[in-house]
Amino acid sequence: MSTVQEIQTAIEKLSLSERGQIAKWFNGWEGDDWDKQMAKDFDPGGHYEHIPDRVNDEIKRGPLADLL
């Protein structure tokens, strides 16, 4: 198995086009374990379900209220 450093070094050796292909593939990566855990955490009953409401309330009360 490759280390992160080995992967970074290999990517740096790629052409601009090849790095673009890697970036497109990597950024299109959906549904991995991290994404699933984040969705679970923010879903109703999740550990962070209240955070979006708190952020919206703070925006409405703060200096960004004029932007709403």
Protein backbone atom coordinates (compact mmCIF):
# COMPACT_ATOMS: atom_id res chain seq x y z
CA MET A 1 0.00 0.00 0.00
CA SER A 2 1.19 3.50 -0.77
CA THR A 3 1.68 6.20 1.81
CA VAL A 4 0.12 9.62 1.46
CA GLN A 5 3.55 11.06 0.71
CA GLU A 6 4.11 8.51 -2.07
CA ILE A 7 0.73 9.33 -3.57
CA GLN A 8 1.43 13.07 -3.40
CA THR A 9 4.81 12.60 -5.07
CA ALA A 10 3.25 10.49 -7.82
CA ILE A 11 0.51 13.07 -8.44
CA GLU A 12 3.09 15.85 -8.69
CA LYS A 13 4.74 13.91 -11.53
CA LEU A 14 1.53 13.76 -13.58
CA SER A 15 0.79 16.10 -16.44
CA LEU A 16 -1.68 18.91 -15.95
CA SER A 17 -4.30 16.92 -17.86
CA GLU A 18 -3.73 13.82 -15.75
CA ARG A 19 -3.95 15.84 -12.52
CA GLY A 20 -7.21 17.27 -13.81
CA GLN A 21 -8.55 13.75 -14.31
CA ILE A 22 -7.53 12.84 -10.74
CA ALA A 23 -9.14 16.01 -9.36
CA LYS A 24 -12.36 15.37 -11.27
CA TRP A 25 -12.47 11.79 -9.99
CA PHE A 26 -11.63 12.76 -6.41
CA ASN A 27 -14.08 15.68 -6.23
CA GLY A 28 -16.84 13.54 -7.68
CA TRP A 29 -16.41 10.96 -4.97
CA GLU A 30 -19.75 10.73 -3.18
CA GLY A 31 -21.33 8.39 -0.75
CA ASP A 32 -18.14 7.40 1.03
CA ASP A 33 -18.10 6.62 4.75
CA TRP A 34 -17.40 10.25 5.70
CA ASP A 35 -20.36 11.50 3.65
CA LYS A 36 -22.64 8.88 5.17
CA GLN A 37 -21.53 9.78 8.71
CA MET A 38 -22.06 13.51 8.06
CA ALA A 39 -25.56 12.86 6.73
CA LYS A 40 -26.36 10.72 9.76
CA ASP A 41 -25.03 13.38 12.15
CA PHE A 42 -27.16 16.15 10.62
CA ASP A 43 -30.33 14.11 10.03
CA PRO A 44 -33.21 14.37 12.52
CA GLY A 45 -32.06 12.71 15.72
CA GLY A 46 -28.42 13.12 14.73
CA HIS A 47 -25.78 14.54 17.02
CA TYR A 48 -25.58 17.84 15.09
CA GLU A 49 -29.16 18.23 13.85
CA HIS A 50 -29.54 21.55 15.70
CA ILE A 51 -26.46 23.21 14.17
CA PRO A 52 -28.02 24.49 10.91
CA ASP A 53 -30.86 26.15 12.85
CA ARG A 54 -28.39 27.77 15.26
CA VAL A 55 -26.28 29.08 12.38
CA ASN A 56 -29.34 30.50 10.61
CA ASP A 57 -30.51 32.17 13.83
CA GLU A 58 -27.09 33.74 14.36
CA ILE A 59 -27.02 34.99 10.77
CA LYS A 60 -30.46 36.59 11.22
CA ARG A 61 -29.32 38.37 14.41
CA GLY A 62 -25.84 39.32 13.23
CA PRO A 63 -24.21 41.57 10.68
CA LEU A 64 -25.29 39.30 7.82
CA ALA A 65 -28.99 39.84 8.54
CA ASP A 66 -29.13 42.52 5.83
CA LEU A 67 -28.18 39.93 3.23
CA LEU A 68 -31.24 37.77 3.89
